[in-house]
Amino acid sequence: MAEAPGKIESMRKWVVDHKLRAVGCLWLTGISSSIAYNWSRPNMKTSVKIIHARLHAQALTLAALVGSAMVEYYDAKYGTSGPKVDKYTSQYLAHSHKD
């Protein structure tokens, strides 16, 4: 009987399958949270609040992209499907090309 995948494994698989959606959701959550935090500070001008929110969102986006790259690297190196490049190479080399 196969064991059900754990919560971490299912989250990792979702991130691998939906990288752009994960980065977009993180960005939207980050900018919303940053705007909410900055709006609670009364001594700042509106333009400064927006600039701070944008900077926080950019930092979160970079972190999400780095995380996504790490997940992709881990999946390519240690994933259950094996290296994707090797699959393509072996498939390509299996067919003979005649001139």
Protein backbone atom coordinates (compact mmCIF):
# COMPACT_ATOMS: atom_id res chain seq x y z
CA MET A 1 0.00 0.00 0.00
CA ALA A 2 1.47 3.36 -1.04
CA GLU A 3 2.00 5.97 1.62
CA ALA A 4 0.16 9.29 1.14
CA PRO A 5 2.48 12.23 0.39
CA GLY A 6 3.15 14.56 3.27
CA LYS A 7 1.99 18.14 3.48
CA ILE A 8 5.46 19.51 2.67
CA GLU A 9 5.80 17.21 -0.34
CA SER A 10 2.38 18.19 -1.70
CA MET A 11 3.22 21.90 -1.23
CA ARG A 12 6.55 21.39 -3.04
CA LYS A 13 4.79 19.65 -5.92
CA TRP A 14 2.25 22.50 -6.19
CA VAL A 15 5.05 25.10 -6.27
CA VAL A 16 6.90 23.11 -8.95
CA ASP A 17 3.73 22.91 -11.06
CA HIS A 18 2.64 26.54 -10.49
CA LYS A 19 5.80 28.63 -10.14
CA LEU A 20 4.44 31.85 -11.63
CA ARG A 21 1.21 31.64 -9.68
CA ALA A 22 3.17 31.12 -6.44
CA VAL A 23 5.40 34.14 -7.15
CA GLY A 24 2.37 36.27 -8.10
CA CYS A 25 0.46 35.31 -4.96
CA LEU A 26 3.48 36.05 -2.80
CA TRP A 27 3.92 39.43 -4.50
CA LEU A 28 0.24 40.34 -4.07
CA THR A 29 0.27 39.29 -0.42
CA GLY A 30 3.51 41.16 0.19
CA ILE A 31 2.42 44.43 -1.37
CA SER A 32 -0.99 44.27 0.35
CA SER A 33 0.62 43.64 3.73
CA SER A 34 3.19 46.36 3.18
CA ILE A 35 0.55 48.91 2.18
CA ALA A 36 -1.54 47.99 5.22
CA TYR A 37 1.49 48.35 7.51
CA ASN A 38 2.61 51.63 5.97
CA TRP A 39 -0.90 53.10 6.12
CA SER A 40 -0.93 52.49 9.87
CA ARG A 41 2.02 54.88 10.24
CA PRO A 42 0.56 58.42 10.32
CA ASN A 43 3.80 60.43 10.07
CA MET A 44 4.66 59.40 6.49
CA LYS A 45 3.63 61.02 3.23
CA THR A 46 1.48 58.92 0.87
CA SER A 47 4.20 58.83 -1.79
CA VAL A 48 6.72 57.45 0.74
CA LYS A 49 4.22 54.80 1.86
CA ILE A 50 3.75 53.64 -1.74
CA ILE A 51 7.49 53.60 -2.42
CA HIS A 52 8.13 51.53 0.70
CA ALA A 53 5.37 49.08 -0.26
CA ARG A 54 6.86 48.71 -3.74
CA LEU A 55 10.35 48.09 -2.35
CA HIS A 56 9.04 45.44 0.04
CA ALA A 57 7.16 43.76 -2.80
CA GLN A 58 10.27 43.75 -4.98
CA ALA A 59 12.31 42.13 -2.21
CA LEU A 60 9.63 39.48 -1.70
CA THR A 61 9.47 38.82 -5.44
CA LEU A 62 13.23 38.30 -5.63
CA ALA A 63 13.06 35.96 -2.65
CA ALA A 64 10.21 34.02 -4.27
CA LEU A 65 12.10 33.73 -7.56
CA VAL A 66 15.20 32.47 -5.77
CA GLY A 67 13.05 30.00 -3.84
CA SER A 68 11.37 28.87 -7.05
CA ALA A 69 14.76 28.36 -8.70
CA MET A 70 15.91 26.31 -5.72
CA VAL A 71 12.78 24.15 -5.89
CA GLU A 72 13.31 23.65 -9.63
CA TYR A 73 16.96 22.74 -9.10
CA TYR A 74 16.07 20.31 -6.30
CA ASP A 75 13.32 18.77 -8.43
CA ALA A 76 15.63 18.37 -11.43
CA LYS A 77 18.45 16.88 -9.36
CA TYR A 78 16.59 14.74 -6.82
CA GLY A 79 12.99 14.62 -8.06
CA THR A 80 11.08 11.42 -8.65
CA SER A 81 10.87 12.08 -12.37
CA GLY A 82 14.65 12.22 -12.75
CA PRO A 83 16.65 14.77 -14.70
CA LYS A 84 14.61 16.27 -17.53
CA VAL A 85 17.64 16.93 -19.71
CA ASP A 86 18.70 13.29 -19.63
CA LYS A 87 15.21 12.20 -20.73
CA TYR A 88 15.37 14.52 -23.73
CA THR A 89 18.91 13.52 -24.61
CA SER A 90 18.20 9.80 -24.46
CA GLN A 91 15.02 10.30 -26.49
CA TYR A 92 16.91 12.30 -29.11
CA LEU A 93 19.77 9.83 -29.34
CA ALA A 94 17.42 6.84 -29.60
CA HIS A 95 16.20 7.97 -33.05
CA SER A 96 18.65 7.61 -35.89
CA HIS A 97 18.82 10.50 -38.32
CA LYS A 98 19.65 9.66 -41.90
CA ASP A 99 20.82 12.16 -44.51
